């Protein structure tokens, strides 16, 4: 059950993110001489911080991952998981923590983070000798990523957001 403080904190994070996006848009408009284009209705997107409950992503189609100021286009939840872990893995300390975590995170039938993709149904190669299993539904994949991997290694993912296509 979410507490009032957790809800307020999530709201503040979303508002800071929205303010940041609008500030960047205003800067772009101020520095361009080209007319702005109105987006087509099908191109609308919604941005969610990775810190929202994993159930939020269920039934949604990802279009990009935003890590800090960098937007990475994706087309599947598998790609979302891969891009986030590959980005985290670039940090030497996080790489060491992920390597130490291999073989220690177990699903009901198989290892979720391992030194090879052998025995996995849908592995993603993050690095040499580092693979993650992604053969789960969206909510489970996000829960594994955040709660079973990133939280365990102490990675702060507050600067990571997922962009989804808004269905009209």
Protein backbone atom coordinates (compact mmCIF):
# COMPACT_ATOMS: atom_id res chain seq x y z
CA UNK A 1 0.00 0.00 0.00
CA UNK A 2 1.41 3.37 -0.98
CA UNK A 3 1.70 6.00 1.71
CA UNK A 4 0.77 9.63 1.27
CA UNK A 5 4.46 10.56 1.39
CA UNK A 6 5.36 8.07 -1.39
CA UNK A 7 2.55 9.36 -3.59
CA UNK A 8 3.63 12.96 -2.98
CA UNK A 9 7.26 12.07 -3.77
CA UNK A 10 6.23 10.35 -7.03
CA UNK A 11 4.12 13.37 -7.98
CA UNK A 12 7.04 15.72 -7.33
CA UNK A 13 9.37 13.57 -9.47
CA UNK A 14 6.89 13.59 -12.35
CA UNK A 15 6.41 17.36 -12.09
CA UNK A 16 10.20 17.96 -12.10
CA UNK A 17 10.47 15.77 -15.20
CA UNK A 18 7.61 17.59 -16.95
CA UNK A 19 9.14 20.98 -16.09
CA UNK A 20 12.47 19.82 -17.51
CA UNK A 21 10.87 18.67 -20.79
CA UNK A 22 8.96 21.93 -21.24
CA UNK A 23 12.06 24.00 -20.47
CA UNK A 24 13.98 22.12 -23.15
CA UNK A 25 11.14 22.58 -25.65
CA UNK A 26 11.04 26.32 -24.97
CA UNK A 27 14.80 26.55 -25.52
CA UNK A 28 14.47 24.69 -28.83
CA UNK A 29 11.66 26.98 -29.99
CA UNK A 30 13.66 30.06 -29.01
CA UNK A 31 16.70 28.89 -30.99
CA UNK A 32 15.01 27.74 -34.19
CA UNK A 33 13.95 29.65 -37.25
CA UNK A 34 12.01 26.75 -38.71
CA UNK A 35 8.26 26.60 -38.17
CA UNK A 36 7.23 24.08 -35.53
CA UNK A 37 5.35 21.04 -36.73
CA UNK A 38 2.20 19.83 -35.05
CA UNK A 39 2.59 16.17 -34.11
CA UNK A 40 0.28 13.68 -35.76
CA UNK A 41 -2.18 12.15 -33.31
CA UNK A 42 -0.65 8.66 -33.65
CA UNK A 43 2.75 10.04 -32.63
CA UNK A 44 1.72 11.03 -29.12
CA UNK A 45 3.80 9.49 -26.39
CA UNK A 46 3.61 9.22 -22.63
CA UNK A 47 6.70 9.28 -20.42
CA UNK A 48 6.80 7.29 -17.17
CA UNK A 49 9.63 7.33 -14.64
CA UNK A 50 11.02 3.82 -14.08
CA UNK A 51 10.17 4.28 -10.38
CA UNK A 52 6.41 3.93 -10.98
CA UNK A 53 4.87 0.58 -10.00
CA UNK A 54 5.66 -2.07 -12.66
CA UNK A 55 1.95 -2.70 -13.28
CA UNK A 56 1.84 0.79 -14.89
CA UNK A 57 3.60 -0.57 -17.99
CA UNK A 58 1.30 -3.55 -18.54
CA UNK A 59 -0.39 -3.39 -21.94
CA UNK A 60 1.71 -0.46 -23.16
CA UNK A 61 4.07 -0.36 -26.16
CA UNK A 62 7.52 1.15 -25.49
CA UNK A 63 9.00 3.56 -28.03
CA UNK A 64 12.09 4.84 -26.18
CA UNK A 65 14.09 4.82 -22.98
CA UNK A 66 15.36 8.09 -21.54
CA UNK A 67 18.51 7.74 -19.47
CA UNK A 68 19.55 11.10 -18.11
CA UNK A 69 19.41 13.40 -21.15
CA UNK A 70 19.82 10.62 -23.71
CA UNK A 71 16.84 9.19 -25.59
CA UNK A 72 17.27 5.66 -26.98
CA UNK A 73 14.65 4.41 -29.42
CA UNK A 74 13.34 0.89 -28.70
CA UNK A 75 10.61 -1.32 -30.09
CA UNK A 76 10.06 -3.92 -27.39
CA UNK A 77 10.19 -4.45 -23.65
CA UNK A 78 13.13 -6.79 -24.18
CA UNK A 79 15.02 -3.87 -25.78
CA UNK A 80 14.05 -1.60 -22.85
CA UNK A 81 15.57 -4.05 -20.35
CA UNK A 82 18.68 -4.47 -22.50
CA UNK A 83 19.30 -0.74 -23.01
CA UNK A 84 18.86 0.06 -19.32
CA UNK A 85 21.19 -2.73 -18.18
CA UNK A 86 23.78 -1.94 -20.87
CA UNK A 87 23.78 1.70 -19.79
CA UNK A 88 24.16 0.78 -16.11
CA UNK A 89 26.88 -1.72 -16.96
CA UNK A 90 29.11 1.05 -18.42
CA UNK A 91 29.93 2.10 -14.85
CA UNK A 92 32.84 -0.06 -13.57
CA UNK A 93 31.39 -0.39 -10.05
CA UNK A 94 27.97 -1.39 -11.37
CA UNK A 95 29.61 -3.84 -13.79
CA UNK A 96 31.40 -5.49 -10.87
CA UNK A 97 28.16 -5.64 -8.85
CA UNK A 98 26.27 -7.18 -11.81
CA UNK A 99 29.04 -9.72 -12.35
CA UNK A 100 28.90 -10.66 -8.66
CA UNK A 101 25.13 -11.07 -8.89
CA UNK A 102 25.31 -13.65 -11.71
CA UNK A 103 23.81 -16.98 -10.70
CA UNK A 104 22.30 -15.55 -7.53
CA UNK A 105 18.99 -14.30 -8.86
CA UNK A 106 16.71 -17.24 -9.46
CA UNK A 107 13.33 -17.40 -11.13
CA UNK A 108 10.98 -20.30 -10.52
CA UNK A 109 12.77 -22.50 -13.08
CA UNK A 110 15.92 -20.74 -14.26
CA UNK A 111 18.59 -18.22 -13.40
CA UNK A 112 17.68 -14.64 -14.32
CA UNK A 113 21.20 -13.17 -14.48
CA UNK A 114 23.97 -15.50 -15.63
CA UNK A 115 27.37 -15.74 -17.31
CA UNK A 116 25.82 -17.30 -20.44
CA UNK A 117 22.48 -17.42 -22.18
CA UNK A 118 22.46 -21.19 -22.03
CA UNK A 119 19.24 -22.49 -20.51
CA UNK A 120 17.47 -19.15 -20.95
CA UNK A 121 14.42 -18.85 -23.21
CA UNK A 122 14.94 -15.21 -24.24
CA UNK A 123 18.38 -13.98 -23.12
CA UNK A 124 19.89 -10.56 -23.73
CA UNK A 125 23.66 -10.19 -23.79
CA UNK A 126 24.59 -7.25 -21.61
CA UNK A 127 28.36 -7.79 -21.67
CA UNK A 128 30.87 -10.60 -22.05
CA UNK A 129 29.73 -13.30 -19.62
CA UNK A 130 26.64 -11.32 -18.55
CA UNK A 131 23.17 -12.29 -19.75
CA UNK A 132 19.68 -11.56 -18.45
CA UNK A 133 16.52 -13.62 -19.01
CA UNK A 134 13.56 -11.65 -20.42
CA UNK A 135 11.02 -14.37 -21.19
CA UNK A 136 8.36 -12.86 -18.92
CA UNK A 137 5.43 -10.48 -19.23
CA UNK A 138 6.06 -6.74 -19.08
CA UNK A 139 5.22 -6.27 -15.42
CA UNK A 140 7.43 -9.17 -14.33
CA UNK A 141 10.36 -8.01 -16.50
CA UNK A 142 10.20 -4.49 -15.01
CA UNK A 143 9.87 -5.90 -11.48
CA UNK A 144 12.90 -8.17 -12.04
CA UNK A 145 14.90 -5.25 -13.47
CA UNK A 146 14.08 -2.78 -10.70
CA UNK A 147 13.52 -4.84 -7.56
CA UNK A 148 15.65 -7.93 -8.14
CA UNK A 149 18.60 -6.37 -9.98
CA UNK A 150 18.92 -2.58 -9.74
CA UNK A 151 17.71 -2.25 -6.13
CA UNK A 152 19.95 -5.13 -5.03
CA UNK A 153 23.09 -3.54 -6.50
CA UNK A 154 22.11 -0.11 -5.17
CA UNK A 155 21.68 1.56 -8.56
CA UNK A 156 19.74 4.85 -8.51
CA UNK A 157 17.40 4.69 -11.51
CA UNK A 158 15.49 7.89 -10.75
CA UNK A 159 16.92 9.48 -13.94
CA UNK A 160 15.52 6.70 -16.14
CA UNK A 161 12.14 6.99 -17.85
CA UNK A 162 10.28 4.86 -20.35
CA UNK A 163 8.40 6.38 -23.25
CA UNK A 164 5.28 4.55 -24.42
CA UNK A 165 2.97 5.06 -27.36
CA UNK A 166 -0.33 6.60 -26.38
CA UNK A 167 -3.19 4.68 -27.96
CA UNK A 168 -5.95 6.93 -29.25
